[in-house]
Protein backbone atom coordinates (compact mmCIF):
# COMPACT_ATOMS: atom_id res chain seq x y z
CA MET A 1 -0.01 -0.22 -0.08
CA GLU A 2 1.43 3.24 -1.36
CA PHE A 3 1.71 6.15 1.76
CA ALA A 4 -1.09 8.26 -0.19
CA ASP A 5 -3.39 5.32 -0.39
CA GLU A 6 -2.58 4.63 3.64
CA TYR A 7 -3.37 8.68 4.03
CA ARG A 8 -6.71 8.50 2.06
CA THR A 9 -7.60 5.01 4.63
CA LEU A 10 -6.72 6.82 8.03
CA ASN A 11 -8.52 9.76 7.36
CA ARG A 12 -12.20 8.03 6.27
CA ALA A 13 -11.44 6.18 9.44
CA VAL A 14 -11.83 9.81 11.40
CA GLY A 15 -14.48 10.41 9.11
CA LEU A 16 -12.63 13.33 7.10
CA CYS A 17 -11.47 12.62 3.48
CA ILE A 18 -9.22 15.69 2.37
CA VAL A 19 -11.09 16.71 -1.02
CA ALA A 20 -8.40 19.03 -2.99
CA MET A 21 -6.84 22.12 -2.17
CA ALA A 22 -8.48 24.93 -3.25
CA ASN A 23 -8.70 28.93 -3.96
CA GLY A 24 -11.37 31.15 -3.43
CA LYS A 25 -13.36 33.83 -2.08
CA VAL A 26 -15.25 34.04 1.71
CA ASP A 27 -18.76 34.91 0.42
CA PHE A 28 -20.31 34.89 4.00
CA PHE A 29 -18.97 36.02 7.72
CA ASN A 30 -20.48 35.72 10.67
CA ASP A 31 -18.23 37.93 13.35
CA THR A 32 -20.26 37.02 16.65
CA GLY A 33 -20.19 32.97 15.82
CA GLY A 34 -16.61 33.16 14.18
CA TYR A 35 -17.23 31.52 11.26
CA GLY A 36 -18.68 31.58 7.50
CA PHE A 37 -18.44 30.45 3.84
CA ILE A 38 -16.15 30.75 0.72
CA SER A 39 -17.02 30.54 -2.51
CA THR A 40 -15.49 28.30 -4.21
CA ASP A 41 -15.07 26.14 -7.71
CA ASP A 42 -13.75 23.27 -6.65
CA ALA A 43 -16.97 22.60 -4.61
CA ASP A 44 -20.96 22.37 -6.18
CA ASP A 45 -21.33 24.33 -2.29
CA ASP A 46 -20.15 27.31 -0.43
CA VAL A 47 -17.77 25.05 2.04
CA PHE A 48 -17.87 26.16 5.64
CA PHE A 49 -15.01 27.50 7.63
CA HIS A 50 -14.09 28.29 11.49
CA MET A 51 -11.85 31.08 12.61
CA GLU A 52 -10.11 27.83 14.55
CA ASP A 53 -9.25 26.79 11.51
CA VAL A 54 -7.49 30.41 10.11
CA GLY A 55 -5.99 32.49 13.08
CA GLY A 56 -4.72 35.83 12.81
CA GLU A 57 -7.68 38.54 12.39
CA ASP A 58 -10.88 38.05 11.15
CA LEU A 59 -11.49 37.51 7.42
CA THR A 60 -13.62 40.12 5.65
CA GLU A 61 -16.98 39.35 2.76
CA GLY A 62 -14.34 39.38 -0.37
CA THR A 63 -11.02 38.25 1.39
CA GLU A 64 -9.68 36.00 -1.32
CA VAL A 65 -8.57 32.86 0.64
CA GLU A 66 -6.31 29.03 -0.15
CA PHE A 67 -7.69 26.13 1.95
CA ASP A 68 -7.93 22.40 1.81
CA ILE A 69 -11.20 20.93 1.75
CA GLU A 70 -12.76 18.17 4.00
CA GLN A 71 -15.40 16.38 4.09
CA ALA A 72 -17.02 16.02 7.69
CA PRO A 73 -20.25 14.36 9.15
CA LYS A 74 -22.47 18.17 8.31
CA GLY A 75 -20.94 18.71 4.76
CA PRO A 76 -17.20 20.27 3.10
CA ARG A 77 -15.61 22.24 5.44
CA ALA A 78 -12.26 24.40 4.95
CA THR A 79 -9.84 23.56 7.03
CA ASN A 80 -6.06 25.03 6.98
CA VAL A 81 -7.11 28.55 5.56
CA VAL A 82 -5.12 31.03 4.50
CA ARG A 83 -5.00 34.64 2.88
CA GLN A 84 -4.14 35.00 -0.46
């Protein structure tokens, strides 16, 4: 088994599967709740994110970002979010 296969198997075992590295733009941000959604051509729907996956100052609507997409129990979630 190759490393990549082992990595995907491990992610499935914990309920998360990394789908892709993506680029997008913050479409909505709730500063009170610390969460929002990113629009991207790399997913069918907007991708949820939480500020715990960003670090630093709050994102604002329209900010361009790069991120990983993981399939979480409630749908796609952005992790490792970095401002561009």
